[in-house]
N, C-alpha and C. Protein backbone atom coordinates (compact mmCIF):
# COMPACT_ATOMS: atom_id res chain seq x y z
N MET A 1 28.59 2.89 7.14
CA MET A 1 27.62 2.69 6.78
C MET A 1 26.58 3.36 7.44
N SER A 2 25.49 4.17 6.85
CA SER A 2 24.55 5.16 7.51
C SER A 2 23.47 4.12 8.31
N ALA A 3 22.87 4.73 9.34
CA ALA A 3 21.63 3.93 9.84
C ALA A 3 20.49 3.83 9.00
N SER A 4 19.92 2.62 9.17
CA SER A 4 18.73 2.27 8.28
C SER A 4 17.67 3.31 8.63
N ARG A 5 16.89 3.82 7.41
CA ARG A 5 15.83 4.66 7.56
C ARG A 5 14.39 3.78 6.96
N THR A 6 13.47 3.74 7.97
CA THR A 6 12.23 2.89 7.55
C THR A 6 11.14 4.06 7.04
N ALA A 7 10.28 3.53 6.13
CA ALA A 7 9.27 4.43 5.56
C ALA A 7 7.91 3.39 5.70
N LEU A 8 6.92 3.92 6.09
CA LEU A 8 5.68 3.11 6.26
C LEU A 8 4.80 3.41 4.98
N LEU A 9 4.47 2.49 4.44
CA LEU A 9 3.59 2.47 3.06
C LEU A 9 2.29 1.95 3.56
N VAL A 10 1.16 2.90 3.22
CA VAL A 10 -0.12 2.82 3.39
C VAL A 10 -0.89 2.68 2.09
N MET A 11 -1.01 1.36 1.52
CA MET A 11 -1.45 1.18 0.12
C MET A 11 -2.77 0.59 -0.15
N ASP A 12 -3.30 1.63 -0.90
CA ASP A 12 -4.72 1.30 -1.54
C ASP A 12 -5.90 1.41 -0.53
N PHE A 13 -5.69 1.94 0.67
CA PHE A 13 -6.82 2.16 1.65
C PHE A 13 -7.49 3.43 1.08
N GLN A 14 -8.20 3.29 0.02
CA GLN A 14 -9.08 4.11 -0.48
C GLN A 14 -10.52 3.97 -0.44
N ASN A 15 -11.38 4.71 -0.45
CA ASN A 15 -12.79 4.51 -0.24
C ASN A 15 -13.44 3.38 -1.00
N GLY A 16 -13.19 3.36 -2.40
CA GLY A 16 -13.82 2.38 -3.31
C GLY A 16 -13.31 0.95 -2.77
N ILE A 17 -12.06 0.62 -2.42
CA ILE A 17 -11.48 -0.56 -2.10
C ILE A 17 -11.63 -1.02 -0.67
N VAL A 18 -11.62 0.09 0.37
CA VAL A 18 -12.00 -0.43 1.69
C VAL A 18 -13.50 -0.90 1.78
N GLN A 19 -14.30 -0.39 1.20
CA GLN A 19 -15.67 -0.80 1.31
C GLN A 19 -15.94 -2.30 0.77
N ARG A 20 -15.04 -2.57 -0.10
CA ARG A 20 -15.30 -4.05 -0.77
C ARG A 20 -14.31 -5.07 -0.09
N ILE A 21 -13.31 -4.57 0.63
CA ILE A 21 -12.38 -5.51 1.03
C ILE A 21 -12.24 -5.72 2.56
N ALA A 22 -11.83 -4.53 3.16
CA ALA A 22 -11.49 -4.50 4.48
C ALA A 22 -12.62 -4.58 5.63
N ASP A 23 -12.53 -4.90 6.71
CA ASP A 23 -13.35 -4.93 7.88
C ASP A 23 -12.65 -3.95 8.80
N ASP A 24 -13.33 -3.37 9.77
CA ASP A 24 -12.93 -2.10 10.67
C ASP A 24 -11.70 -2.43 11.17
N SER A 25 -11.47 -3.98 11.45
CA SER A 25 -10.19 -4.15 12.09
C SER A 25 -9.02 -3.96 11.31
N VAL A 26 -9.09 -3.94 10.08
CA VAL A 26 -7.77 -3.86 9.16
C VAL A 26 -7.56 -2.46 9.07
N VAL A 27 -8.46 -1.44 9.19
CA VAL A 27 -8.25 -0.08 8.87
C VAL A 27 -7.69 0.20 10.31
N ALA A 28 -8.25 -0.15 11.38
CA ALA A 28 -7.86 0.02 12.82
C ALA A 28 -6.34 -0.40 12.89
N ALA A 29 -5.99 -1.34 12.33
CA ALA A 29 -4.54 -1.76 12.40
C ALA A 29 -3.70 -0.98 11.60
N ALA A 30 -4.19 -0.54 10.62
CA ALA A 30 -3.36 0.39 9.82
C ALA A 30 -3.17 1.80 10.44
N ALA A 31 -4.42 2.21 11.11
CA ALA A 31 -4.34 3.59 11.63
C ALA A 31 -3.44 3.49 12.96
N ARG A 32 -3.24 2.29 13.50
CA ARG A 32 -2.15 2.18 14.85
C ARG A 32 -0.86 2.24 14.35
N ALA A 33 -0.61 1.81 13.07
CA ALA A 33 0.75 2.06 12.47
C ALA A 33 1.12 3.38 12.06
N VAL A 34 0.02 3.87 11.32
CA VAL A 34 0.45 5.40 11.06
C VAL A 34 0.39 6.17 12.24
N GLU A 35 -0.42 5.99 13.26
CA GLU A 35 -0.05 6.97 14.40
C GLU A 35 1.23 6.70 15.08
N ALA A 36 1.78 5.67 15.24
CA ALA A 36 3.01 5.20 15.78
C ALA A 36 4.09 5.71 14.93
N ALA A 37 4.14 5.45 13.71
CA ALA A 37 5.01 6.11 12.80
C ALA A 37 5.10 7.41 12.93
N ARG A 38 4.03 8.23 12.95
CA ARG A 38 4.23 9.86 13.11
C ARG A 38 4.87 9.96 14.43
N ALA A 39 4.62 9.33 15.54
CA ALA A 39 5.09 9.40 16.72
C ALA A 39 6.53 9.29 16.97
N ALA A 40 6.92 8.32 16.00
CA ALA A 40 8.47 7.97 15.94
C ALA A 40 9.22 8.65 14.75
N ASP A 41 8.52 9.58 14.20
CA ASP A 41 9.14 10.36 13.05
C ASP A 41 9.52 9.34 11.93
N ILE A 42 8.81 8.55 11.67
CA ILE A 42 8.89 7.65 10.43
C ILE A 42 8.03 8.28 9.61
N PRO A 43 8.59 8.49 8.08
CA PRO A 43 7.93 8.79 6.94
C PRO A 43 6.81 7.96 6.73
N VAL A 44 5.60 8.45 6.55
CA VAL A 44 4.28 7.71 6.01
C VAL A 44 4.04 8.09 4.61
N ILE A 45 4.15 7.30 3.73
CA ILE A 45 3.62 7.60 2.40
C ILE A 45 2.53 6.67 1.89
N PHE A 46 1.51 7.55 1.69
CA PHE A 46 0.40 6.90 1.21
C PHE A 46 0.39 6.51 -0.33
N VAL A 47 -0.47 5.47 -0.77
CA VAL A 47 -0.25 4.96 -2.18
C VAL A 47 -1.76 4.76 -2.51
N ARG A 48 -2.39 5.32 -3.68
CA ARG A 48 -3.62 5.04 -4.15
C ARG A 48 -3.39 4.70 -5.48
N VAL A 49 -4.37 3.95 -6.14
CA VAL A 49 -4.46 3.55 -7.32
C VAL A 49 -5.79 4.69 -8.01
N ALA A 50 -5.23 4.90 -9.21
CA ALA A 50 -6.27 5.97 -9.93
C ALA A 50 -5.86 6.38 -11.25
N PHE A 51 -6.65 6.68 -11.95
CA PHE A 51 -6.38 7.11 -13.48
C PHE A 51 -6.72 8.30 -13.95
N ARG A 52 -6.23 8.66 -14.97
CA ARG A 52 -6.81 10.03 -15.75
C ARG A 52 -8.28 9.62 -16.28
N PRO A 53 -8.92 10.84 -16.51
CA PRO A 53 -10.23 10.69 -17.20
C PRO A 53 -10.10 9.74 -18.69
N GLY A 54 -10.93 8.87 -18.89
CA GLY A 54 -10.76 8.13 -20.09
C GLY A 54 -9.84 6.97 -19.90
N TYR A 55 -9.36 6.90 -18.92
CA TYR A 55 -8.19 5.78 -18.61
C TYR A 55 -7.33 5.75 -19.72
N PRO A 56 -6.49 6.42 -19.89
CA PRO A 56 -5.52 6.45 -21.21
C PRO A 56 -4.48 5.24 -20.76
N GLU A 57 -4.40 5.27 -19.44
CA GLU A 57 -3.31 4.20 -18.91
C GLU A 57 -3.52 2.75 -18.99
N THR A 58 -4.66 2.53 -19.48
CA THR A 58 -5.23 1.07 -19.49
C THR A 58 -5.11 0.64 -20.94
N ALA A 59 -4.56 -0.65 -21.11
CA ALA A 59 -4.25 -1.15 -22.51
C ALA A 59 -5.48 -2.22 -22.50
N ALA A 60 -5.91 -2.55 -23.55
CA ALA A 60 -6.96 -3.61 -23.92
C ALA A 60 -6.34 -4.96 -23.36
N SER A 61 -5.15 -5.18 -23.60
CA SER A 61 -4.34 -6.36 -23.25
C SER A 61 -4.19 -6.60 -21.66
N ASN A 62 -4.57 -5.73 -21.10
CA ASN A 62 -4.29 -5.82 -19.61
C ASN A 62 -5.54 -6.39 -19.11
N LEU A 63 -5.59 -7.41 -18.68
CA LEU A 63 -6.82 -8.22 -17.91
C LEU A 63 -7.19 -7.59 -16.75
N SER A 64 -6.29 -7.15 -16.15
CA SER A 64 -6.77 -6.29 -14.78
C SER A 64 -7.32 -5.22 -14.79
N PHE A 65 -7.07 -4.35 -15.70
CA PHE A 65 -7.40 -2.86 -15.82
C PHE A 65 -8.18 -2.79 -17.06
N SER A 66 -8.35 -3.58 -17.98
CA SER A 66 -9.13 -2.93 -19.27
C SER A 66 -10.59 -2.87 -19.11
N ALA A 67 -11.01 -3.66 -18.29
CA ALA A 67 -12.57 -3.41 -17.99
C ALA A 67 -12.72 -2.13 -17.43
N LEU A 68 -11.70 -1.35 -16.65
CA LEU A 68 -12.18 0.05 -15.92
C LEU A 68 -12.48 0.83 -16.92
N SER A 69 -12.34 0.80 -18.27
CA SER A 69 -12.80 1.98 -18.90
C SER A 69 -14.32 1.95 -19.16
N GLN A 70 -15.08 0.58 -18.62
CA GLN A 70 -16.28 0.51 -18.86
C GLN A 70 -16.96 0.98 -17.34
N ALA A 71 -16.07 1.45 -16.41
CA ALA A 71 -16.70 1.78 -14.94
C ALA A 71 -16.86 3.24 -15.05
N GLY A 72 -16.94 4.06 -16.15
CA GLY A 72 -17.06 5.34 -15.70
C GLY A 72 -16.23 6.26 -15.24
N ASP A 73 -16.27 7.05 -14.30
CA ASP A 73 -15.23 7.76 -13.76
C ASP A 73 -14.91 7.13 -12.26
N ALA A 74 -15.45 5.83 -12.23
CA ALA A 74 -15.15 5.41 -10.65
C ALA A 74 -13.93 5.15 -10.29
N PHE A 75 -12.76 5.26 -11.16
CA PHE A 75 -11.39 4.84 -10.80
C PHE A 75 -10.64 5.80 -11.18
N THR A 76 -11.28 7.13 -11.35
CA THR A 76 -10.38 8.23 -11.90
C THR A 76 -9.99 9.06 -10.92
N GLN A 77 -8.79 9.84 -10.93
CA GLN A 77 -8.00 10.27 -9.85
C GLN A 77 -8.66 11.35 -8.88
N ASP A 78 -9.76 12.10 -9.41
CA ASP A 78 -10.46 12.80 -8.69
C ASP A 78 -11.77 12.26 -8.04
N ASN A 79 -12.21 11.16 -8.38
CA ASN A 79 -13.18 10.33 -7.85
C ASN A 79 -13.17 10.28 -6.22
N PRO A 80 -14.10 10.54 -5.58
CA PRO A 80 -14.10 10.20 -3.99
C PRO A 80 -13.59 8.77 -3.75
N ALA A 81 -14.13 7.83 -4.69
CA ALA A 81 -13.79 6.36 -4.42
C ALA A 81 -12.41 6.11 -4.51
N THR A 82 -11.50 7.01 -4.92
CA THR A 82 -10.06 6.77 -5.25
C THR A 82 -9.36 7.47 -4.19
N GLN A 83 -9.85 8.15 -3.13
CA GLN A 83 -9.36 9.00 -2.38
C GLN A 83 -9.00 7.98 -0.84
N VAL A 84 -8.04 8.48 -0.15
CA VAL A 84 -7.67 7.69 1.04
C VAL A 84 -8.77 7.86 1.98
N VAL A 85 -9.13 6.67 2.70
CA VAL A 85 -10.25 6.83 3.74
C VAL A 85 -10.09 7.78 4.81
N ASP A 86 -11.05 8.41 5.36
CA ASP A 86 -11.07 9.41 6.30
C ASP A 86 -10.30 8.85 7.66
N ALA A 87 -10.29 7.77 7.88
CA ALA A 87 -9.76 7.08 9.10
C ALA A 87 -8.29 7.04 8.99
N LEU A 88 -7.68 7.24 7.88
CA LEU A 88 -6.11 7.12 7.70
C LEU A 88 -5.87 8.53 6.89
N ALA A 89 -6.55 9.55 7.11
CA ALA A 89 -6.28 10.73 6.50
C ALA A 89 -4.97 11.32 6.26
N PRO A 90 -4.11 11.55 5.11
CA PRO A 90 -2.77 11.89 5.14
C PRO A 90 -2.64 13.67 5.77
N ARG A 91 -1.67 13.58 6.33
CA ARG A 91 -1.44 15.12 7.05
C ARG A 91 -1.01 15.73 5.75
N ALA A 92 -0.81 17.25 5.69
CA ALA A 92 -0.41 17.94 4.67
C ALA A 92 0.94 17.65 4.31
N ASP A 93 1.79 17.25 5.45
CA ASP A 93 3.40 17.07 4.79
C ASP A 93 3.58 15.63 4.65
N GLU A 94 2.45 14.69 4.25
CA GLU A 94 2.58 13.11 3.96
C GLU A 94 2.28 13.23 2.63
N PRO A 95 3.20 12.64 1.82
CA PRO A 95 3.08 12.49 0.49
C PRO A 95 1.97 11.30 0.20
N VAL A 96 1.37 11.52 -0.98
CA VAL A 96 0.29 10.45 -1.80
C VAL A 96 0.66 10.14 -2.95
N ALA A 97 1.23 8.97 -3.14
CA ALA A 97 1.71 8.59 -4.61
C ALA A 97 0.41 7.96 -5.30
N VAL A 98 0.25 8.32 -6.47
CA VAL A 98 -0.98 7.70 -7.23
C VAL A 98 -0.26 6.71 -8.34
N LYS A 99 -0.52 5.68 -8.09
CA LYS A 99 -0.15 4.60 -9.17
C LYS A 99 -1.01 4.21 -10.26
N ARG A 100 -0.56 3.71 -11.16
CA ARG A 100 -1.36 3.35 -12.67
C ARG A 100 -1.40 1.86 -12.64
N ARG A 101 -0.92 1.06 -11.68
CA ARG A 101 -0.75 -0.42 -11.90
C ARG A 101 -1.03 -1.16 -10.45
N VAL A 102 -0.72 -2.35 -10.39
CA VAL A 102 -0.96 -3.08 -9.11
C VAL A 102 0.24 -2.73 -8.12
N SER A 103 1.33 -2.90 -8.55
CA SER A 103 2.55 -2.51 -7.70
C SER A 103 2.54 -0.95 -7.48
N ALA A 104 2.80 -0.62 -6.03
CA ALA A 104 2.93 0.58 -5.57
C ALA A 104 4.03 1.38 -6.57
N PHE A 105 4.96 0.92 -7.04
CA PHE A 105 6.14 1.41 -7.77
C PHE A 105 5.79 1.78 -9.15
N THR A 106 4.98 1.00 -9.80
CA THR A 106 4.82 1.10 -11.33
C THR A 106 3.73 2.17 -11.57
N GLY A 107 4.35 3.23 -12.34
CA GLY A 107 3.36 4.35 -12.71
C GLY A 107 3.07 5.52 -11.64
N SER A 108 4.15 5.35 -10.85
CA SER A 108 4.04 6.31 -9.44
C SER A 108 5.34 6.85 -9.53
N ASP A 109 5.46 7.95 -8.54
CA ASP A 109 6.65 8.65 -8.05
C ASP A 109 7.03 7.96 -6.61
N LEU A 110 6.69 6.63 -6.20
CA LEU A 110 7.11 6.14 -5.05
C LEU A 110 8.57 5.97 -4.80
N GLU A 111 9.41 5.63 -5.82
CA GLU A 111 10.80 5.40 -5.89
C GLU A 111 11.55 6.69 -5.32
N VAL A 112 11.20 7.81 -6.28
CA VAL A 112 11.49 8.94 -5.89
C VAL A 112 11.38 9.67 -4.51
N LEU A 113 9.88 9.42 -4.01
CA LEU A 113 9.67 9.85 -2.67
C LEU A 113 10.56 8.97 -1.49
N LEU A 114 10.65 7.56 -1.83
CA LEU A 114 11.68 6.95 -0.91
C LEU A 114 13.04 7.50 -0.93
N ARG A 115 13.62 7.51 -2.16
CA ARG A 115 14.89 8.23 -2.00
C ARG A 115 14.84 9.53 -1.41
N GLY A 116 13.96 10.51 -1.61
CA GLY A 116 14.13 11.57 -0.89
C GLY A 116 13.99 11.51 0.61
N ALA A 117 13.26 10.49 0.99
CA ALA A 117 13.07 10.10 2.44
C ALA A 117 14.41 9.33 3.12
N GLY A 118 15.33 9.05 2.29
CA GLY A 118 16.53 8.23 2.46
C GLY A 118 16.00 6.88 3.11
N ALA A 119 14.97 6.25 2.55
CA ALA A 119 14.56 4.95 3.07
C ALA A 119 15.32 3.62 2.43
N ASP A 120 15.49 2.94 3.32
CA ASP A 120 16.10 1.45 2.78
C ASP A 120 15.29 0.42 3.30
N SER A 121 14.28 0.74 4.25
CA SER A 121 13.36 -0.25 4.88
C SER A 121 11.84 0.11 4.77
N LEU A 122 11.07 -0.75 4.18
CA LEU A 122 9.73 -0.45 4.11
C LEU A 122 8.88 -1.00 4.89
N VAL A 123 8.10 -0.83 5.59
CA VAL A 123 6.64 -1.47 6.30
C VAL A 123 5.71 -1.30 5.54
N LEU A 124 5.08 -2.42 5.27
CA LEU A 124 3.78 -2.55 4.35
C LEU A 124 2.58 -2.73 4.71
N THR A 125 1.53 -2.07 4.42
CA THR A 125 0.22 -2.23 4.90
C THR A 125 -0.77 -2.18 3.44
N GLY A 126 -1.59 -2.83 3.27
CA GLY A 126 -2.45 -2.60 2.06
C GLY A 126 -3.67 -3.38 1.75
N LEU A 127 -4.49 -3.12 0.77
CA LEU A 127 -5.53 -3.82 0.29
C LEU A 127 -5.30 -3.97 -1.41
N SER A 128 -5.25 -4.97 -1.81
CA SER A 128 -5.38 -6.23 -1.23
C SER A 128 -4.04 -7.01 -1.08
N THR A 129 -3.91 -8.19 -0.29
CA THR A 129 -2.66 -8.78 0.03
C THR A 129 -2.21 -9.62 -1.06
N SER A 130 -3.19 -9.98 -2.20
CA SER A 130 -2.59 -10.76 -3.28
C SER A 130 -2.39 -9.67 -4.52
N GLY A 131 -2.88 -8.44 -4.29
CA GLY A 131 -2.49 -7.30 -5.23
C GLY A 131 -1.38 -6.49 -4.97
N VAL A 132 -1.86 -5.16 -4.29
CA VAL A 132 -0.76 -4.20 -4.15
C VAL A 132 0.42 -4.93 -3.33
N VAL A 133 0.04 -5.47 -2.26
CA VAL A 133 1.01 -6.04 -1.28
C VAL A 133 2.13 -7.06 -2.03
N LEU A 134 1.42 -7.97 -2.37
CA LEU A 134 2.29 -8.95 -3.26
C LEU A 134 3.19 -8.59 -4.25
N SER A 135 2.65 -7.61 -5.11
CA SER A 135 3.39 -6.93 -6.14
C SER A 135 4.31 -5.92 -5.82
N THR A 136 4.12 -5.28 -4.57
CA THR A 136 5.00 -4.27 -4.10
C THR A 136 6.20 -4.96 -3.43
N ILE A 137 6.03 -6.03 -2.55
CA ILE A 137 6.93 -6.71 -2.01
C ILE A 137 7.90 -7.39 -3.06
N ARG A 138 7.55 -7.90 -4.03
CA ARG A 138 8.25 -8.58 -5.10
C ARG A 138 9.26 -7.38 -5.81
N GLN A 139 8.49 -6.33 -6.05
CA GLN A 139 9.61 -5.37 -6.71
C GLN A 139 10.53 -4.66 -5.58
N ALA A 140 9.95 -4.48 -4.39
CA ALA A 140 10.79 -3.76 -3.42
C ALA A 140 12.05 -4.87 -3.22
N ALA A 141 11.70 -5.92 -2.94
CA ALA A 141 12.56 -7.04 -2.70
C ALA A 141 13.99 -6.90 -3.87
N ASP A 142 13.43 -6.89 -5.35
CA ASP A 142 14.33 -6.58 -6.43
C ASP A 142 15.15 -5.38 -6.22
N LEU A 143 14.57 -4.38 -5.48
CA LEU A 143 15.25 -3.11 -5.41
C LEU A 143 15.97 -3.11 -3.99
N ASP A 144 16.11 -4.14 -3.51
CA ASP A 144 17.11 -4.30 -2.30
C ASP A 144 16.67 -3.75 -0.87
N TYR A 145 15.22 -3.29 -1.13
CA TYR A 145 14.76 -2.93 0.50
C TYR A 145 14.57 -3.82 1.50
N ARG A 146 14.84 -3.48 2.60
CA ARG A 146 14.33 -4.42 3.95
C ARG A 146 12.93 -4.46 4.04
N LEU A 147 12.24 -5.43 4.44
CA LEU A 147 10.74 -5.30 4.20
C LEU A 147 10.26 -5.83 5.42
N THR A 148 9.15 -5.17 5.99
CA THR A 148 8.19 -5.89 7.00
C THR A 148 6.72 -5.84 6.24
N VAL A 149 5.86 -6.77 6.66
CA VAL A 149 4.69 -6.62 6.36
C VAL A 149 3.90 -6.93 7.56
N LEU A 150 2.87 -5.76 7.66
CA LEU A 150 2.00 -5.84 9.08
C LEU A 150 0.68 -6.73 8.56
N SER A 151 0.81 -8.01 9.14
CA SER A 151 -0.18 -8.88 8.65
C SER A 151 -1.53 -8.57 8.84
N ASP A 152 -2.01 -7.89 9.93
CA ASP A 152 -3.49 -7.64 10.30
C ASP A 152 -3.74 -6.20 9.66
N ALA A 153 -2.83 -5.27 8.99
CA ALA A 153 -3.13 -4.24 8.45
C ALA A 153 -3.13 -4.43 6.90
N CYS A 154 -3.11 -5.69 6.44
CA CYS A 154 -3.53 -6.19 5.07
C CYS A 154 -4.83 -7.15 5.02
N ALA A 155 -5.45 -6.98 4.04
CA ALA A 155 -6.55 -7.84 3.69
C ALA A 155 -6.68 -8.30 2.33
N ASP A 156 -7.51 -9.41 2.03
CA ASP A 156 -7.82 -9.70 0.69
C ASP A 156 -9.24 -10.22 0.51
N ASN A 157 -9.98 -10.38 -0.51
CA ASN A 157 -11.10 -10.64 -0.76
C ASN A 157 -11.21 -12.44 -0.50
N GLU A 158 -10.08 -12.93 -0.66
CA GLU A 158 -9.95 -14.31 -0.40
C GLU A 158 -9.09 -14.64 0.79
N PRO A 159 -9.78 -14.92 2.04
CA PRO A 159 -9.00 -15.20 3.42
C PRO A 159 -7.94 -16.28 3.04
N ASP A 160 -8.35 -17.48 2.47
CA ASP A 160 -7.24 -18.31 2.27
C ASP A 160 -6.07 -17.93 1.69
N VAL A 161 -6.21 -16.93 0.37
CA VAL A 161 -4.86 -16.46 -0.26
C VAL A 161 -4.16 -15.49 0.70
N HIS A 162 -4.94 -14.75 1.49
CA HIS A 162 -4.21 -13.87 2.38
C HIS A 162 -3.43 -14.78 3.48
N ARG A 163 -4.02 -15.87 3.83
CA ARG A 163 -3.17 -16.75 4.99
C ARG A 163 -2.07 -17.18 4.20
N VAL A 164 -2.28 -17.92 3.03
CA VAL A 164 -1.08 -18.46 2.52
C VAL A 164 0.19 -17.39 1.98
N LEU A 165 -0.23 -16.15 1.70
CA LEU A 165 0.59 -15.40 1.32
C LEU A 165 1.38 -14.92 2.85
N ILE A 166 0.63 -14.65 3.65
CA ILE A 166 1.22 -14.06 4.85
C ILE A 166 2.04 -15.30 5.70
N GLU A 167 1.60 -16.37 5.58
CA GLU A 167 2.27 -17.54 6.25
C GLU A 167 3.40 -18.07 5.61
N LYS A 168 3.20 -18.14 4.25
CA LYS A 168 4.21 -19.06 3.56
C LYS A 168 4.96 -18.23 2.44
N VAL A 169 4.38 -17.41 1.68
CA VAL A 169 5.17 -16.50 0.71
C VAL A 169 5.90 -15.53 1.22
N PHE A 170 5.19 -14.50 1.90
CA PHE A 170 5.98 -13.32 2.39
C PHE A 170 7.05 -13.37 3.34
N PRO A 171 6.96 -14.55 4.12
CA PRO A 171 8.38 -14.68 4.88
C PRO A 171 9.57 -14.87 4.32
N LYS A 172 9.53 -15.35 2.85
CA LYS A 172 10.66 -15.63 2.19
C LYS A 172 11.54 -14.22 1.74
N GLN A 173 10.63 -13.23 1.85
CA GLN A 173 11.37 -11.93 1.40
C GLN A 173 11.11 -10.88 2.36
N ALA A 174 10.20 -11.13 3.31
CA ALA A 174 10.01 -9.88 4.47
C ALA A 174 9.73 -10.51 5.90
N GLN A 175 9.85 -9.66 6.76
CA GLN A 175 9.62 -9.89 8.19
C GLN A 175 7.99 -9.83 8.27
N VAL A 176 7.42 -10.87 8.80
CA VAL A 176 6.07 -10.51 8.98
C VAL A 176 5.63 -10.55 10.47
N MET A 177 4.71 -9.42 10.77
CA MET A 177 4.18 -9.34 12.16
C MET A 177 3.07 -8.55 12.08
N THR A 178 2.63 -8.51 13.42
CA THR A 178 1.07 -7.66 13.26
C THR A 178 1.51 -6.02 13.70
N ALA A 179 0.60 -5.25 13.40
CA ALA A 179 0.69 -3.92 13.73
C ALA A 179 1.09 -3.59 15.16
N ASP A 180 0.45 -4.24 15.92
CA ASP A 180 1.05 -4.17 17.37
C ASP A 180 2.45 -4.42 17.68
N GLU A 181 2.72 -5.60 16.96
CA GLU A 181 4.08 -6.11 17.31
C GLU A 181 5.25 -5.16 16.78
N TRP A 182 4.91 -4.51 15.63
CA TRP A 182 5.65 -3.45 15.07
C TRP A 182 5.89 -2.26 15.90
N VAL A 183 4.52 -1.96 16.46
CA VAL A 183 4.43 -0.43 17.30
C VAL A 183 5.42 -0.81 18.51
N LYS A 184 5.34 -2.06 19.08
CA LYS A 184 6.12 -2.18 20.19
C LYS A 184 7.35 -2.18 19.92
N SER A 185 7.90 -2.35 18.67
CA SER A 185 9.28 -2.66 18.40
C SER A 185 10.14 -1.36 18.22
N LEU A 186 9.26 -0.21 18.01
CA LEU A 186 9.64 1.21 17.96
C LEU A 186 10.53 1.70 18.82
């Protein structure tokens, strides 16, 4: 059996989401993880949520996304609000997957990128804990990835929801640790 290959997922750390959810410490924790992954030759894959102009991917029946068509171009793929924040800027050799739903896998080429990287273990960071992180953990677990969640490199608008997910839900499918604990383990 071959050695395990890890990839770091940096999910939805984009301008329009960071300004609503994260404090500076969450972005800083994610930045430490990105820096350590790069130093350890661990692939870093960025994921952002964005849509085509006119939002053809959003169905009226989808409560989460149907209101976006009223948001003008705020969540379109070229809007500055959907770009990765400068503090975590991807390098030219780091892929950015654009997703069209909550999970990082749905409507993106993430699975193809992970296969190309030979990844079987994922380390997750993201905004929000109850959105992209939860949905991605569930789908990644069903796809048999080994999972780690960096608790301080995730955040949610609802601190109690974040705490319950990190302390009670995620440990059933993932190892949960801080970014600094993960960095020290490399």
